[in-house]
C-alpha atoms as a PDB file:
ATOM      1  CA  MET A   1       0.000   0.000   0.000  1.00  0.00           C
ATOM      2  CA  PRO A   2       1.527   3.377  -0.995  1.00  0.00           C
ATOM      3  CA  LYS A   3       2.165   5.865   1.809  1.00  0.00           C
ATOM      4  CA  ASN A   4       0.635   9.350   1.966  1.00  0.00           C
ATOM      5  CA  GLY A   5       1.541  11.548  -0.980  1.00  0.00           C
ATOM      6  CA  TRP A   6       0.534   9.120  -3.734  1.00  0.00           C
ATOM      7  CA  VAL A   7      -2.261   9.939  -6.175  1.00  0.00           C
ATOM      8  CA  PRO A   8      -3.844   7.973  -9.033  1.00  0.00           C
ATOM      9  CA  LYS A   9      -3.102   9.107 -12.613  1.00  0.00           C
ATOM     10  CA  TRP A  10      -4.460   7.832 -15.887  1.00  0.00           C
ATOM     11  CA  ILE A  11      -1.370   6.840 -17.917  1.00  0.00           C
ATOM     12  CA  ASP A  12      -1.604   5.005 -21.250  1.00  0.00           C
ATOM     13  CA  GLY A  13      -5.054   3.649 -20.429  1.00  0.00           C
ATOM     14  CA  VAL A  14      -4.117   2.403 -16.945  1.00  0.00           C
ATOM     15  CA  ILE A  15      -4.606   3.971 -13.522  1.00  0.00           C
ATOM     16  CA  THR A  16      -1.140   4.228 -11.955  1.00  0.00           C
ATOM     17  CA  MET A  17      -0.244   5.390  -8.446  1.00  0.00           C
ATOM     18  CA  CYS A  18       2.171   8.341  -8.686  1.00  0.00           C
ATOM     19  CA  MET A  19       4.051  10.290  -6.057  1.00  0.00           C
ATOM     20  CA  LYS A  20       2.806  13.824  -5.460  1.00  0.00           C
ATOM     21  CA  GLU A  21       3.660  15.782  -2.335  1.00  0.00           C
ATOM     22  CA  THR A  22       3.498  19.415  -1.337  1.00  0.00           C
ATOM     23  CA  ALA A  23       5.406  21.376   1.303  1.00  0.00           C
ATOM     24  CA  GLY A  24       5.707  25.040   2.111  1.00  0.00           C
ATOM     25  CA  TYR A  25       7.154  27.840   4.185  1.00  0.00           C
ATOM     26  CA  PHE A  26       4.694  30.507   5.284  1.00  0.00           C
ATOM     27  CA  GLY A  27       6.625  32.303   8.045  1.00  0.00           C
ATOM     28  CA  SER A  28       8.042  35.790   7.955  1.00  0.00           C
ATOM     29  CA  PRO A  29      10.076  36.662   4.853  1.00  0.00           C
ATOM     30  CA  VAL A  30      13.443  34.940   4.583  1.00  0.00           C
ATOM     31  CA  ILE A  31      15.707  37.963   4.146  1.00  0.00           C
ATOM     32  CA  ASN A  32      19.229  37.549   2.772  1.00  0.00           C
ATOM     33  CA  GLN A  33      21.669  40.455   3.102  1.00  0.00           C
ATOM     34  CA  THR A  34      24.945  38.637   2.403  1.00  0.00           C
ATOM     35  CA  GLY A  35      25.010  38.343  -1.397  1.00  0.00           C
ATOM     36  CA  ILE A  36      25.780  34.598  -1.169  1.00  0.00           C
ATOM     37  CA  PRO A  37      23.471  31.610  -0.577  1.00  0.00           C
ATOM     38  CA  LEU A  38      22.312  31.347   3.027  1.00  0.00           C
ATOM     39  CA  VAL A  39      24.094  28.849   5.261  1.00  0.00           C
ATOM     40  CA  THR A  40      21.014  28.392   7.445  1.00  0.00           C
ATOM     41  CA  ASN A  41      17.933  28.372   5.276  1.00  0.00           C
ATOM     42  CA  PRO A  42      14.352  27.399   6.143  1.00  0.00           C
ATOM     43  CA  LEU A  43      13.734  26.940   2.418  1.00  0.00           C
ATOM     44  CA  SER A  44      14.923  23.338   2.571  1.00  0.00           C
ATOM     45  CA  TRP A  45      12.736  20.230   2.559  1.00  0.00           C
ATOM     46  CA  ASN A  46      13.330  16.486   2.765  1.00  0.00           C
ATOM     47  CA  PHE A  47      11.302  14.225   0.482  1.00  0.00           C
ATOM     48  CA  ASP A  48      11.184  10.433   0.573  1.00  0.00           C
ATOM     49  CA  PHE A  49      11.387   9.273  -3.054  1.00  0.00           C
ATOM     50  CA  GLN A  50       9.889   5.775  -3.195  1.00  0.00           C
ATOM     51  CA  ARG A  51      10.276   5.196  -6.902  1.00  0.00           C
ATOM     52  CA  ILE A  52      13.080   5.866  -9.373  1.00  0.00           C
ATOM     53  CA  GLY A  53      11.898   8.082 -12.206  1.00  0.00           C
ATOM     54  CA  THR A  54      11.320  11.575 -13.545  1.00  0.00           C
ATOM     55  CA  TYR A  55       9.842  14.248 -11.302  1.00  0.00           C
ATOM     56  CA  LYS A  56       8.506  17.745 -11.831  1.00  0.00           C
ATOM     57  CA  ILE A  57       9.644  20.010  -8.996  1.00  0.00           C
ATOM     58  CA  THR A  58       7.778  23.309  -8.896  1.00  0.00           C
ATOM     59  CA  PHE A  59       8.366  26.275  -6.596  1.00  0.00           C
ATOM     60  CA  PHE A  60       5.734  28.985  -6.168  1.00  0.00           C
ATOM     61  CA  TYR A  61       6.807  32.028  -4.127  1.00  0.00           C
ATOM     62  CA  CYS A  62       6.878  35.794  -3.748  1.00  0.00           C
ATOM     63  CA  GLY A  63      10.187  37.586  -4.004  1.00  0.00           C
ATOM     64  CA  SER A  64      11.585  41.080  -3.760  1.00  0.00           C
ATOM     65  CA  ILE A  65      14.892  42.935  -3.777  1.00  0.00           C
ATOM     66  CA  ASP A  66      15.623  46.329  -2.236  1.00  0.00           C
ATOM     67  CA  SER A  67      17.475  47.766  -5.226  1.00  0.00           C
ATOM     68  CA  THR A  68      16.963  49.240  -8.683  1.00  0.00           C
ATOM     69  CA  SER A  69      20.221  47.939 -10.170  1.00  0.00           C
ATOM     70  CA  VAL A  70      20.984  44.585  -8.498  1.00  0.00           C
ATOM     71  CA  ASP A  71      19.541  41.150  -9.354  1.00  0.00           C
ATOM     72  CA  ILE A  72      17.733  38.721  -7.078  1.00  0.00           C
ATOM     73  CA  VAL A  73      18.890  35.209  -7.964  1.00  0.00           C
ATOM     74  CA  THR A  74      17.300  31.889  -6.927  1.00  0.00           C
ATOM     75  CA  VAL A  75      19.026  28.537  -7.297  1.00  0.00           C
ATOM     76  CA  PRO A  76      16.997  25.312  -6.819  1.00  0.00           C
ATOM     77  CA  THR A  77      18.940  22.162  -5.853  1.00  0.00           C
ATOM     78  CA  LEU A  78      18.255  18.472  -5.250  1.00  0.00           C
ATOM     79  CA  ASP A  79      20.749  16.910  -2.831  1.00  0.00           C
ATOM     80  CA  GLY A  80      23.184  19.748  -3.579  1.00  0.00           C
ATOM     81  CA  SER A  81      23.022  19.427  -7.375  1.00  0.00           C
ATOM     82  CA  ASN A  82      21.559  22.256  -9.436  1.00  0.00           C
ATOM     83  CA  LEU A  83      18.130  21.483 -10.871  1.00  0.00           C
ATOM     84  CA  ILE A  84      18.783  23.934 -13.703  1.00  0.00           C
ATOM     85  CA  ASN A  85      21.890  23.288 -15.779  1.00  0.00           C
ATOM     86  CA  ILE A  86      22.335  26.697 -17.386  1.00  0.00           C
ATOM     87  CA  ALA A  87      23.415  30.130 -16.154  1.00  0.00           C
ATOM     88  CA  ARG A  88      25.134  28.878 -12.966  1.00  0.00           C
ATOM     89  CA  GLY A  89      21.979  27.005 -11.941  1.00  0.00           C
ATOM     90  CA  GLU A  90      19.912  30.166 -11.690  1.00  0.00           C
ATOM     91  CA  GLY A  91      16.195  29.488 -11.697  1.00  0.00           C
ATOM     92  CA  GLU A  92      15.370  33.148 -11.492  1.00  0.00           C
ATOM     93  CA  LYS A  93      17.457  36.249 -12.112  1.00  0.00           C
ATOM     94  CA  ARG A  94      15.542  39.488 -11.950  1.00  0.00           C
ATOM     95  CA  GLU A  95      16.515  43.101 -11.428  1.00  0.00           C
ATOM     96  CA  GLY A  96      14.549  45.019  -8.835  1.00  0.00           C
ATOM     97  CA  LYS A  97      12.675  48.171  -9.712  1.00  0.00           C
ATOM     98  CA  ASP A  98      12.105  49.675  -6.272  1.00  0.00           C
ATOM     99  CA  SER A  99      14.294  50.692  -3.382  1.00  0.00           C
ATOM    100  CA  ALA A 100      12.343  53.631  -2.005  1.00  0.00           C
ATOM    101  CA  GLY A 101       9.360  51.808  -0.498  1.00  0.00           C
ATOM    102  CA  ASN A 102       9.358  50.109   2.887  1.00  0.00           C
ATOM    103  CA  ASP A 103       7.064  47.334   4.071  1.00  0.00           C
ATOM    104  CA  ALA A 104       6.136  46.729   7.703  1.00  0.00           C
ATOM    105  CA  ASP A 105       7.750  43.266   7.603  1.00  0.00           C
ATOM    106  CA  GLY A 106      11.264  44.756   7.378  1.00  0.00           C
ATOM    107  CA  ARG A 107      12.100  43.859   3.771  1.00  0.00           C
ATOM    108  CA  GLY A 108      13.239  47.385   2.830  1.00  0.00           C
ATOM    109  CA  THR A 109      10.939  47.526  -0.208  1.00  0.00           C
ATOM    110  CA  ASP A 110       7.225  47.377  -0.871  1.00  0.00           C
ATOM    111  CA  GLN A 111       7.489  45.419  -4.127  1.00  0.00           C
ATOM    112  CA  LYS A 112       6.061  41.898  -4.183  1.00  0.00           C
ATOM    113  CA  ASP A 113       6.583  39.742  -7.262  1.00  0.00           C
ATOM    114  CA  PRO A 114       4.896  36.320  -7.597  1.00  0.00           C
ATOM    115  CA  ILE A 115       7.125  33.676  -9.204  1.00  0.00           C
ATOM    116  CA  ALA A 116       6.554  30.117 -10.479  1.00  0.00           C
ATOM    117  CA  LEU A 117       9.693  28.078 -11.153  1.00  0.00           C
ATOM    118  CA  CYS A 118       9.392  24.586 -12.674  1.00  0.00           C
ATOM    119  CA  CYS A 119      12.250  22.053 -12.915  1.00  0.00           C
ATOM    120  CA  VAL A 120      12.493  18.456 -14.092  1.00  0.00           C
ATOM    121  CA  ALA A 121      14.735  15.999 -12.243  1.00  0.00           C
ATOM    122  CA  GLN A 122      15.722  12.394 -12.823  1.00  0.00           C
ATOM    123  CA  VAL A 123      15.784  10.533  -9.499  1.00  0.00           C
ATOM    124  CA  ASN A 124      18.054   7.489  -9.796  1.00  0.00           C
ATOM    125  CA  SER A 125      17.950   6.145  -6.246  1.00  0.00           C
ATOM    126  CA  LEU A 126      15.340   5.625  -3.546  1.00  0.00           C
ATOM    127  CA  GLY A 127      15.235   7.353  -0.191  1.00  0.00           C
ATOM    128  CA  THR A 128      15.190  10.784   1.369  1.00  0.00           C
ATOM    129  CA  LYS A 129      16.595  13.658  -0.668  1.00  0.00           C
ATOM    130  CA  THR A 130      16.856  17.355   0.181  1.00  0.00           C
ATOM    131  CA  ILE A 131      15.285  19.982  -2.067  1.00  0.00           C
ATOM    132  CA  LYS A 132      16.471  23.523  -1.413  1.00  0.00           C
ATOM    133  CA  LEU A 133      15.783  26.974  -2.834  1.00  0.00           C
ATOM    134  CA  ASP A 134      18.691  29.389  -2.247  1.00  0.00           C
ATOM    135  CA  HIS A 135      18.384  33.089  -2.933  1.00  0.00           C
ATOM    136  CA  TYR A 136      20.829  35.974  -2.923  1.00  0.00           C
ATOM    137  CA  SER A 137      21.608  39.288  -4.589  1.00  0.00           C
ATOM    138  CA  ARG A 138      24.188  39.832  -7.295  1.00  0.00           C
ATOM    139  CA  SER A 139      25.413  42.637  -9.514  1.00  0.00           C
ATOM    140  CA  GLY A 140      26.669  41.045 -12.730  1.00  0.00           C
ATOM    141  CA  ASN A 141      28.852  38.157 -11.502  1.00  0.00           C
ATOM    142  CA  THR A 142      29.672  39.811  -8.162  1.00  0.00           C
ATOM    143  CA  PRO A 143      27.786  39.054  -4.913  1.00  0.00           C
ATOM    144  CA  ASN A 144      26.003  42.093  -3.553  1.00  0.00           C
ATOM    145  CA  THR A 145      24.560  42.980  -0.149  1.00  0.00           C
ATOM    146  CA  ALA A 146      21.220  44.332  -1.415  1.00  0.00           C
ATOM    147  CA  GLU A 147      18.456  42.912   0.750  1.00  0.00           C
ATOM    148  CA  CYS A 148      16.450  40.230  -1.060  1.00  0.00           C
ATOM    149  CA  SER A 149      13.521  38.248   0.328  1.00  0.00           C
ATOM    150  CA  LEU A 150      11.381  35.196  -0.393  1.00  0.00           C
ATOM    151  CA  TRP A 151       8.128  34.313   1.347  1.00  0.00           C
ATOM    152  CA  ASN A 152       4.932  32.248   0.983  1.00  0.00           C
ATOM    153  CA  VAL A 153       6.943  29.468  -0.654  1.00  0.00           C
ATOM    154  CA  VAL A 154       5.103  26.362  -1.861  1.00  0.00           C
ATOM    155  CA  LEU A 155       7.003  23.370  -3.196  1.00  0.00           C
ATOM    156  CA  GLU A 156       5.291  20.634  -5.204  1.00  0.00           C
ATOM    157  CA  VAL A 157       6.993  17.384  -6.214  1.00  0.00           C
ATOM    158  CA  GLU A 158       5.180  15.214  -8.740  1.00  0.00           C
ATOM    159  CA  GLU A 159       6.209  12.068 -10.570  1.00  0.00           C
ATOM    160  CA  ILE A 160       5.775  12.426 -14.337  1.00  0.00           C
ATOM    161  CA  PHE A 161       5.653   9.920 -17.195  1.00  0.00           C
ATOM    162  CA  ASN A 162       6.073   9.995 -20.969  1.00  0.00           C
ATOM    163  CA  LEU A 163       8.142  13.176 -20.956  1.00  0.00           C
ATOM    164  CA  GLN A 164       9.058  14.204 -24.497  1.00  0.00           C
ATOM    165  CA  SER A 165      12.552  15.599 -24.987  1.00  0.00           C
END
């Protein structure tokens, strides 16, 4: 009997049990002021993969950066390996457009940008694996100390079949 997190899917005329789990972080904004990925990061989750295969890993979140000339960068990883294999693993790289506003939650800006980031991963072994979403600020290729924040993060992991390349 499959554990919690399995759902039926209709695949090639057969109902198949597939892994689908959701996690999230809904606390105060995770603010990074160092310009490098956080060492201690609540945006890290452990998932128990019970079947080898291909998985869609989707992050939904709000992000902001307190700058008009510096980028907020997010990097999704699975067990320390980048889920995106281009541009230094960056899932998102976006330049802020506001530094004058100030929100009551201490983010230094009143901008709030919703983001959806989808990755595909091949899982080749069973067991618990760590999925993490790092975020930091950067100007060009140089780390920057502009305050960047993520909040209301939802992570969805779903087994997929018949992926066309």
